[in-house]
Amino acid sequence: MTVLEDLWYGNIIPWEMFVKNNPHLKSLLSLAGRNYDKLTADLTDKQVEMLEKYKDILCEMNSYTEQAAFKYGFALGVRLIMESVITEL
């Protein structure tokens, strides 16, 4: 299989590799989870629902910005490769 096929079929998941190999990020995710659990323990059901909606919006915004950054970085990489090939000719 080619790299593009692996990417298409989900065999390459760049964001998971970043988390898996980043102990600092793992630590931050764990801390966020513990703090979230402590916070929600003291909230009413209505407050938890509002917090969940807020969290969902943040996740959607983060996903959008990560996707945009990925597209930009990929396009920049392709342009750099094209420029280096053209320069060699």
PDB file of N, CA and C in Angstrom:
ATOM      1  N   MET A   1       0.838  -1.184   0.000  1.00  0.00           N
ATOM      2  CA  MET A   1       0.000   0.000   0.000  1.00  0.00           C
ATOM      3  C   MET A   1       0.885   1.251   0.000  1.00  0.00           C
ATOM      4  N   THR A   2       0.440   2.277  -0.695  1.00  0.00           N
ATOM      5  CA  THR A   2       1.191   3.529  -0.708  1.00  0.00           C
ATOM      6  C   THR A   2       0.858   4.350   0.539  1.00  0.00           C
ATOM      7  N   VAL A   3       1.632   5.369   0.797  1.00  0.00           N
ATOM      8  CA  VAL A   3       1.387   6.245   1.937  1.00  0.00           C
ATOM      9  C   VAL A   3       0.024   6.919   1.800  1.00  0.00           C
ATOM     10  N   LEU A   4      -0.324   7.361   0.597  1.00  0.00           N
ATOM     11  CA  LEU A   4      -1.626   7.993   0.388  1.00  0.00           C
ATOM     12  C   LEU A   4      -2.768   7.012   0.657  1.00  0.00           C
ATOM     13  N   GLU A   5      -2.597   5.760   0.250  1.00  0.00           N
ATOM     14  CA  GLU A   5      -3.622   4.751   0.524  1.00  0.00           C
ATOM     15  C   GLU A   5      -3.735   4.490   2.028  1.00  0.00           C
ATOM     16  N   ASP A   6      -2.598   4.393   2.695  1.00  0.00           N
ATOM     17  CA  ASP A   6      -2.617   4.210   4.148  1.00  0.00           C
ATOM     18  C   ASP A   6      -3.330   5.371   4.839  1.00  0.00           C
ATOM     19  N   LEU A   7      -3.066   6.580   4.388  1.00  0.00           N
ATOM     20  CA  LEU A   7      -3.721   7.750   4.954  1.00  0.00           C
ATOM     21  C   LEU A   7      -5.226   7.687   4.693  1.00  0.00           C
ATOM     22  N   TRP A   8      -5.605   7.336   3.473  1.00  0.00           N
ATOM     23  CA  TRP A   8      -7.011   7.252   3.097  1.00  0.00           C
ATOM     24  C   TRP A   8      -7.760   6.209   3.924  1.00  0.00           C
ATOM     25  N   TYR A   9      -7.157   5.044   4.114  1.00  0.00           N
ATOM     26  CA  TYR A   9      -7.822   3.954   4.825  1.00  0.00           C
ATOM     27  C   TYR A   9      -7.676   4.043   6.344  1.00  0.00           C
ATOM     28  N   GLY A  10      -7.060   5.103   6.823  1.00  0.00           N
ATOM     29  CA  GLY A  10      -6.966   5.302   8.268  1.00  0.00           C
ATOM     30  C   GLY A  10      -5.858   4.521   8.935  1.00  0.00           C
ATOM     31  N   ASN A  11      -4.922   3.993   8.168  1.00  0.00           N
ATOM     32  CA  ASN A  11      -3.801   3.269   8.756  1.00  0.00           C
ATOM     33  C   ASN A  11      -2.759   4.223   9.334  1.00  0.00           C
ATOM     34  N   ILE A  12      -2.776   5.456   8.864  1.00  0.00           N
ATOM     35  CA  ILE A  12      -1.895   6.496   9.383  1.00  0.00           C
ATOM     36  C   ILE A  12      -2.787   7.543  10.034  1.00  0.00           C
ATOM     37  N   ILE A  13      -2.605   7.742  11.318  1.00  0.00           N
ATOM     38  CA  ILE A  13      -3.412   8.711  12.043  1.00  0.00           C
ATOM     39  C   ILE A  13      -2.443   9.666  12.747  1.00  0.00           C
ATOM     40  N   PRO A  14      -2.068  10.759  12.067  1.00  0.00           N
ATOM     41  CA  PRO A  14      -1.008  11.639  12.573  1.00  0.00           C
ATOM     42  C   PRO A  14      -1.260  12.168  13.979  1.00  0.00           C
ATOM     43  N   TRP A  15      -2.483  12.556  14.299  1.00  0.00           N
ATOM     44  CA  TRP A  15      -2.728  13.142  15.614  1.00  0.00           C
ATOM     45  C   TRP A  15      -2.575  12.126  16.734  1.00  0.00           C
ATOM     46  N   GLU A  16      -2.863  10.858  16.480  1.00  0.00           N
ATOM     47  CA  GLU A  16      -2.669   9.844  17.506  1.00  0.00           C
ATOM     48  C   GLU A  16      -1.182   9.603  17.763  1.00  0.00           C
ATOM     49  N   MET A  17      -0.389   9.642  16.716  1.00  0.00           N
ATOM     50  CA  MET A  17       1.044   9.442  16.896  1.00  0.00           C
ATOM     51  C   MET A  17       1.639  10.573  17.724  1.00  0.00           C
ATOM     52  N   PHE A  18       1.137  11.785  17.521  1.00  0.00           N
ATOM     53  CA  PHE A  18       1.641  12.924  18.276  1.00  0.00           C
ATOM     54  C   PHE A  18       1.342  12.752  19.762  1.00  0.00           C
ATOM     55  N   VAL A  19       0.140  12.327  20.087  1.00  0.00           N
ATOM     56  CA  VAL A  19      -0.248  12.137  21.489  1.00  0.00           C
ATOM     57  C   VAL A  19       0.493  10.960  22.101  1.00  0.00           C
ATOM     58  N   LYS A  20       0.570   9.858  21.348  1.00  0.00           N
ATOM     59  CA  LYS A  20       1.187   8.639  21.864  1.00  0.00           C
ATOM     60  C   LYS A  20       2.652   8.861  22.233  1.00  0.00           C
ATOM     61  N   ASN A  21       3.341   9.655  21.459  1.00  0.00           N
ATOM     62  CA  ASN A  21       4.774   9.850  21.657  1.00  0.00           C
ATOM     63  C   ASN A  21       5.124  11.139  22.395  1.00  0.00           C
ATOM     64  N   ASN A  22       4.145  11.772  23.044  1.00  0.00           N
ATOM     65  CA  ASN A  22       4.392  13.039  23.706  1.00  0.00           C
ATOM     66  C   ASN A  22       4.008  12.944  25.183  1.00  0.00           C
ATOM     67  N   PRO A  23       4.984  12.654  26.062  1.00  0.00           N
ATOM     68  CA  PRO A  23       4.659  12.489  27.480  1.00  0.00           C
ATOM     69  C   PRO A  23       4.105  13.753  28.118  1.00  0.00           C
ATOM     70  N   HIS A  24       4.549  14.916  27.665  1.00  0.00           N
ATOM     71  CA  HIS A  24       4.043  16.173  28.230  1.00  0.00           C
ATOM     72  C   HIS A  24       2.549  16.330  27.912  1.00  0.00           C
ATOM     73  N   LEU A  25       2.166  16.029  26.678  1.00  0.00           N
ATOM     74  CA  LEU A  25       0.759  16.126  26.299  1.00  0.00           C
ATOM     75  C   LEU A  25      -0.074  15.085  27.040  1.00  0.00           C
ATOM     76  N   LYS A  26       0.455  13.878  27.187  1.00  0.00           N
ATOM     77  CA  LYS A  26      -0.252  12.843  27.952  1.00  0.00           C
ATOM     78  C   LYS A  26      -0.514  13.313  29.380  1.00  0.00           C
ATOM     79  N   SER A  27       0.491  13.944  29.985  1.00  0.00           N
ATOM     80  CA  SER A  27       0.354  14.459  31.346  1.00  0.00           C
ATOM     81  C   SER A  27      -0.722  15.545  31.420  1.00  0.00           C
ATOM     82  N   LEU A  28      -0.718  16.434  30.438  1.00  0.00           N
ATOM     83  CA  LEU A  28      -1.721  17.507  30.413  1.00  0.00           C
ATOM     84  C   LEU A  28      -3.130  16.948  30.220  1.00  0.00           C
ATOM     85  N   LEU A  29      -3.277  15.949  29.358  1.00  0.00           N
ATOM     86  CA  LEU A  29      -4.585  15.326  29.148  1.00  0.00           C
ATOM     87  C   LEU A  29      -5.094  14.652  30.419  1.00  0.00           C
ATOM     88  N   SER A  30      -4.195  14.000  31.128  1.00  0.00           N
ATOM     89  CA  SER A  30      -4.559  13.351  32.383  1.00  0.00           C
ATOM     90  C   SER A  30      -4.991  14.380  33.423  1.00  0.00           C
ATOM     91  N   LEU A  31      -4.235  15.455  33.535  1.00  0.00           N
ATOM     92  CA  LEU A  31      -4.558  16.530  34.479  1.00  0.00           C
ATOM     93  C   LEU A  31      -5.902  17.161  34.130  1.00  0.00           C
ATOM     94  N   ALA A  32      -6.135  17.412  32.852  1.00  0.00           N
ATOM     95  CA  ALA A  32      -7.406  17.994  32.422  1.00  0.00           C
ATOM     96  C   ALA A  32      -8.567  17.068  32.789  1.00  0.00           C
ATOM     97  N   GLY A  33      -8.394  15.775  32.581  1.00  0.00           N
ATOM     98  CA  GLY A  33      -9.435  14.807  32.922  1.00  0.00           C
ATOM     99  C   GLY A  33      -9.751  14.791  34.412  1.00  0.00           C
ATOM    100  N   ARG A  34      -8.704  14.793  35.235  1.00  0.00           N
ATOM    101  CA  ARG A  34      -8.922  14.811  36.688  1.00  0.00           C
ATOM    102  C   ARG A  34      -9.643  16.080  37.126  1.00  0.00           C
ATOM    103  N   ASN A  35      -9.210  17.213  36.598  1.00  0.00           N
ATOM    104  CA  ASN A  35      -9.844  18.479  36.967  1.00  0.00           C
ATOM    105  C   ASN A  35     -11.283  18.557  36.475  1.00  0.00           C
ATOM    106  N   TYR A  36     -11.539  18.015  35.304  1.00  0.00           N
ATOM    107  CA  TYR A  36     -12.896  17.988  34.768  1.00  0.00           C
ATOM    108  C   TYR A  36     -13.811  17.158  35.678  1.00  0.00           C
ATOM    109  N   ASP A  37     -13.306  16.004  36.102  1.00  0.00           N
ATOM    110  CA  ASP A  37     -14.096  15.150  36.997  1.00  0.00           C
ATOM    111  C   ASP A  37     -14.394  15.849  38.319  1.00  0.00           C
ATOM    112  N   LYS A  38     -13.416  16.533  38.875  1.00  0.00           N
ATOM    113  CA  LYS A  38     -13.629  17.276  40.130  1.00  0.00           C
ATOM    114  C   LYS A  38     -14.651  18.387  39.928  1.00  0.00           C
ATOM    115  N   LEU A  39     -14.546  19.094  38.829  1.00  0.00           N
ATOM    116  CA  LEU A  39     -15.460  20.200  38.552  1.00  0.00           C
ATOM    117  C   LEU A  39     -16.890  19.704  38.391  1.00  0.00           C
ATOM    118  N   THR A  40     -17.079  18.681  37.584  1.00  0.00           N
ATOM    119  CA  THR A  40     -18.438  18.212  37.323  1.00  0.00           C
ATOM    120  C   THR A  40     -19.080  17.553  38.548  1.00  0.00           C
ATOM    121  N   ALA A  41     -18.286  17.082  39.486  1.00  0.00           N
ATOM    122  CA  ALA A  41     -18.833  16.472  40.698  1.00  0.00           C
ATOM    123  C   ALA A  41     -19.626  17.479  41.521  1.00  0.00           C
ATOM    124  N   ASP A  42     -19.295  18.748  41.430  1.00  0.00           N
ATOM    125  CA  ASP A  42     -19.954  19.788  42.223  1.00  0.00           C
ATOM    126  C   ASP A  42     -21.016  20.560  41.457  1.00  0.00           C
ATOM    127  N   LEU A  43     -21.280  20.175  40.224  1.00  0.00           N
ATOM    128  CA  LEU A  43     -22.246  20.909  39.405  1.00  0.00           C
ATOM    129  C   LEU A  43     -23.603  20.216  39.385  1.00  0.00           C
ATOM    130  N   THR A  44     -24.629  21.008  39.122  1.00  0.00           N
ATOM    131  CA  THR A  44     -25.962  20.440  38.918  1.00  0.00           C
ATOM    132  C   THR A  44     -26.009  19.791  37.538  1.00  0.00           C
ATOM    133  N   ASP A  45     -27.050  19.010  37.300  1.00  0.00           N
ATOM    134  CA  ASP A  45     -27.207  18.369  35.987  1.00  0.00           C
ATOM    135  C   ASP A  45     -27.276  19.417  34.874  1.00  0.00           C
ATOM    136  N   LYS A  46     -27.988  20.504  35.111  1.00  0.00           N
ATOM    137  CA  LYS A  46     -28.114  21.576  34.114  1.00  0.00           C
ATOM    138  C   LYS A  46     -26.752  22.206  33.841  1.00  0.00           C
ATOM    139  N   GLN A  47     -25.954  22.429  34.891  1.00  0.00           N
ATOM    140  CA  GLN A  47     -24.627  23.011  34.721  1.00  0.00           C
ATOM    141  C   GLN A  47     -23.692  22.064  33.973  1.00  0.00           C
ATOM    142  N   VAL A  48     -23.795  20.776  34.265  1.00  0.00           N
ATOM    143  CA  VAL A  48     -22.978  19.787  33.550  1.00  0.00           C
ATOM    144  C   VAL A  48     -23.347  19.784  32.073  1.00  0.00           C
ATOM    145  N   GLU A  49     -24.646  19.878  31.783  1.00  0.00           N
ATOM    146  CA  GLU A  49     -25.098  19.916  30.386  1.00  0.00           C
ATOM    147  C   GLU A  49     -24.528  21.152  29.679  1.00  0.00           C
ATOM    148  N   MET A  50     -24.549  22.286  30.333  1.00  0.00           N
ATOM    149  CA  MET A  50     -24.000  23.510  29.745  1.00  0.00           C
ATOM    150  C   MET A  50     -22.496  23.375  29.527  1.00  0.00           C
ATOM    151  N   LEU A  51     -21.797  22.782  30.493  1.00  0.00           N
ATOM    152  CA  LEU A  51     -20.355  22.586  30.368  1.00  0.00           C
ATOM    153  C   LEU A  51     -20.046  21.641  29.211  1.00  0.00           C
ATOM    154  N   GLU A  52     -20.834  20.599  29.040  1.00  0.00           N
ATOM    155  CA  GLU A  52     -20.642  19.658  27.935  1.00  0.00           C
ATOM    156  C   GLU A  52     -20.818  20.361  26.590  1.00  0.00           C
ATOM    157  N   LYS A  53     -21.823  21.212  26.484  1.00  0.00           N
ATOM    158  CA  LYS A  53     -22.036  21.961  25.241  1.00  0.00           C
ATOM    159  C   LYS A  53     -20.846  22.876  24.968  1.00  0.00           C
ATOM    160  N   TYR A  54     -20.354  23.533  26.020  1.00  0.00           N
ATOM    161  CA  TYR A  54     -19.188  24.404  25.886  1.00  0.00           C
ATOM    162  C   TYR A  54     -17.971  23.600  25.424  1.00  0.00           C
ATOM    163  N   LYS A  55     -17.775  22.438  26.043  1.00  0.00           N
ATOM    164  CA  LYS A  55     -16.648  21.572  25.681  1.00  0.00           C
ATOM    165  C   LYS A  55     -16.761  21.098  24.235  1.00  0.00           C
ATOM    166  N   ASP A  56     -17.975  20.760  23.797  1.00  0.00           N
ATOM    167  CA  ASP A  56     -18.186  20.325  22.417  1.00  0.00           C
ATOM    168  C   ASP A  56     -17.817  21.430  21.426  1.00  0.00           C
ATOM    169  N   ILE A  57     -18.189  22.676  21.756  1.00  0.00           N
ATOM    170  CA  ILE A  57     -17.857  23.804  20.883  1.00  0.00           C
ATOM    171  C   ILE A  57     -16.345  23.991  20.819  1.00  0.00           C
ATOM    172  N   LEU A  58     -15.668  23.899  21.956  1.00  0.00           N
ATOM    173  CA  LEU A  58     -14.204  24.022  21.964  1.00  0.00           C
ATOM    174  C   LEU A  58     -13.554  22.919  21.132  1.00  0.00           C
ATOM    175  N   CYS A  59     -14.064  21.708  21.259  1.00  0.00           N
ATOM    176  CA  CYS A  59     -13.516  20.593  20.475  1.00  0.00           C
ATOM    177  C   CYS A  59     -13.714  20.821  18.985  1.00  0.00           C
ATOM    178  N   GLU A  60     -14.879  21.321  18.600  1.00  0.00           N
ATOM    179  CA  GLU A  60     -15.133  21.591  17.188  1.00  0.00           C
ATOM    180  C   GLU A  60     -14.214  22.698  16.668  1.00  0.00           C
ATOM    181  N   MET A  61     -14.026  23.744  17.473  1.00  0.00           N
ATOM    182  CA  MET A  61     -13.123  24.829  17.066  1.00  0.00           C
ATOM    183  C   MET A  61     -11.695  24.315  16.933  1.00  0.00           C
ATOM    184  N   ASN A  62     -11.244  23.508  17.894  1.00  0.00           N
ATOM    185  CA  ASN A  62      -9.895  22.947  17.828  1.00  0.00           C
ATOM    186  C   ASN A  62      -9.726  22.053  16.609  1.00  0.00           C
ATOM    187  N   SER A  63     -10.729  21.251  16.330  1.00  0.00           N
ATOM    188  CA  SER A  63     -10.667  20.370  15.171  1.00  0.00           C
ATOM    189  C   SER A  63     -10.552  21.176  13.882  1.00  0.00           C
ATOM    190  N   TYR A  64     -11.336  22.237  13.787  1.00  0.00           N
ATOM    191  CA  TYR A  64     -11.309  23.087  12.598  1.00  0.00           C
ATOM    192  C   TYR A  64      -9.932  23.732  12.419  1.00  0.00           C
ATOM    193  N   THR A  65      -9.376  24.279  13.499  1.00  0.00           N
ATOM    194  CA  THR A  65      -8.082  24.949  13.375  1.00  0.00           C
ATOM    195  C   THR A  65      -6.961  23.952  13.104  1.00  0.00           C
ATOM    196  N   GLU A  66      -7.037  22.750  13.693  1.00  0.00           N
ATOM    197  CA  GLU A  66      -6.022  21.727  13.423  1.00  0.00           C
ATOM    198  C   GLU A  66      -6.091  21.278  11.972  1.00  0.00           C
ATOM    199  N   GLN A  67      -7.309  21.144  11.452  1.00  0.00           N
ATOM    200  CA  GLN A  67      -7.465  20.750  10.054  1.00  0.00           C
ATOM    201  C   GLN A  67      -6.904  21.824   9.129  1.00  0.00           C
ATOM    202  N   ALA A  68      -7.201  23.082   9.431  1.00  0.00           N
ATOM    203  CA  ALA A  68      -6.694  24.182   8.604  1.00  0.00           C
ATOM    204  C   ALA A  68      -5.165  24.230   8.657  1.00  0.00           C
ATOM    205  N   ALA A  69      -4.590  24.031   9.839  1.00  0.00           N
ATOM    206  CA  ALA A  69      -3.129  24.038   9.979  1.00  0.00           C
ATOM    207  C   ALA A  69      -2.511  22.866   9.218  1.00  0.00           C
ATOM    208  N   PHE A  70      -3.167  21.703   9.271  1.00  0.00           N
ATOM    209  CA  PHE A  70      -2.672  20.537   8.534  1.00  0.00           C
ATOM    210  C   PHE A  70      -2.673  20.809   7.036  1.00  0.00           C
ATOM    211  N   LYS A  71      -3.782  21.346   6.531  1.00  0.00           N
ATOM    212  CA  LYS A  71      -3.874  21.649   5.100  1.00  0.00           C
ATOM    213  C   LYS A  71      -2.805  22.648   4.688  1.00  0.00           C
ATOM    214  N   TYR A  72      -2.634  23.687   5.493  1.00  0.00           N
ATOM    215  CA  TYR A  72      -1.637  24.701   5.171  1.00  0.00           C
ATOM    216  C   TYR A  72      -0.235  24.096   5.180  1.00  0.00           C
ATOM    217  N   GLY A  73       0.080  23.321   6.208  1.00  0.00           N
ATOM    218  CA  GLY A  73       1.399  22.698   6.313  1.00  0.00           C
ATOM    219  C   GLY A  73       1.665  21.730   5.174  1.00  0.00           C
ATOM    220  N   PHE A  74       0.650  20.960   4.808  1.00  0.00           N
ATOM    221  CA  PHE A  74       0.802  20.013   3.699  1.00  0.00           C
ATOM    222  C   PHE A  74       1.057  20.763   2.397  1.00  0.00           C
ATOM    223  N   ALA A  75       0.255  21.796   2.149  1.00  0.00           N
ATOM    224  CA  ALA A  75       0.421  22.581   0.918  1.00  0.00           C
ATOM    225  C   ALA A  75       1.782  23.266   0.884  1.00  0.00           C
ATOM    226  N   LEU A  76       2.218  23.772   2.023  1.00  0.00           N
ATOM    227  CA  LEU A  76       3.533  24.412   2.094  1.00  0.00           C
ATOM    228  C   LEU A  76       4.630  23.397   1.792  1.00  0.00           C
ATOM    229  N   GLY A  77       4.519  22.210   2.344  1.00  0.00           N
ATOM    230  CA  GLY A  77       5.506  21.162   2.080  1.00  0.00           C
ATOM    231  C   GLY A  77       5.577  20.805   0.607  1.00  0.00           C
ATOM    232  N   VAL A  78       4.415  20.692  -0.025  1.00  0.00           N
ATOM    233  CA  VAL A  78       4.378  20.381  -1.461  1.00  0.00           C
ATOM    234  C   VAL A  78       5.028  21.509  -2.258  1.00  0.00           C
ATOM    235  N   ARG A  79       4.724  22.760  -1.901  1.00  0.00           N
ATOM    236  CA  ARG A  79       5.325  23.896  -2.618  1.00  0.00           C
ATOM    237  C   ARG A  79       6.847  23.906  -2.447  1.00  0.00           C
ATOM    238  N   LEU A  80       7.325  23.584  -1.249  1.00  0.00           N
ATOM    239  CA  LEU A  80       8.774  23.529  -1.019  1.00  0.00           C
ATOM    240  C   LEU A  80       9.421  22.441  -1.867  1.00  0.00           C
ATOM    241  N   ILE A  81       8.787  21.298  -1.938  1.00  0.00           N
ATOM    242  CA  ILE A  81       9.319  20.206  -2.759  1.00  0.00           C
ATOM    243  C   ILE A  81       9.326  20.603  -4.227  1.00  0.00           C
ATOM    244  N   MET A  82       8.220  21.206  -4.681  1.00  0.00           N
ATOM    245  CA  MET A  82       8.146  21.620  -6.087  1.00  0.00           C
ATOM    246  C   MET A  82       9.225  22.658  -6.401  1.00  0.00           C
ATOM    247  N   GLU A  83       9.425  23.600  -5.505  1.00  0.00           N
ATOM    248  CA  GLU A  83      10.431  24.622  -5.730  1.00  0.00           C
ATOM    249  C   GLU A  83      11.843  24.026  -5.781  1.00  0.00           C
ATOM    250  N   SER A  84      12.083  23.050  -4.906  1.00  0.00           N
ATOM    251  CA  SER A  84      13.411  22.441  -4.892  1.00  0.00           C
ATOM    252  C   SER A  84      13.646  21.633  -6.159  1.00  0.00           C
ATOM    253  N   VAL A  85      12.624  20.998  -6.692  1.00  0.00           N
ATOM    254  CA  VAL A  85      12.745  20.231  -7.927  1.00  0.00           C
ATOM    255  C   VAL A  85      12.967  21.161  -9.107  1.00  0.00           C
ATOM    256  N   ILE A  86      12.204  22.246  -9.167  1.00  0.00           N
ATOM    257  CA  ILE A  86      12.334  23.198 -10.257  1.00  0.00           C
ATOM    258  C   ILE A  86      13.707  23.869 -10.222  1.00  0.00           C
ATOM    259  N   THR A  87      14.205  24.173  -9.028  1.00  0.00           N
ATOM    260  CA  THR A  87      15.510  24.805  -8.883  1.00  0.00           C
ATOM    261  C   THR A  87      16.617  23.890  -9.401  1.00  0.00           C
ATOM    262  N   GLU A  88      16.457  22.589  -9.220  1.00  0.00           N
ATOM    263  CA  GLU A  88      17.470  21.630  -9.644  1.00  0.00           C
ATOM    264  C   GLU A  88      17.535  21.499 -11.164  1.00  0.00           C
ATOM    265  N   LEU A  89      16.452  21.818 -11.839  1.00  0.00           N
ATOM    266  CA  LEU A  89      16.404  21.638 -13.299  1.00  0.00           C
ATOM    267  C   LEU A  89      17.171  22.687 -13.993  1.00  0.00           C
TER     268      LEU A  89
END
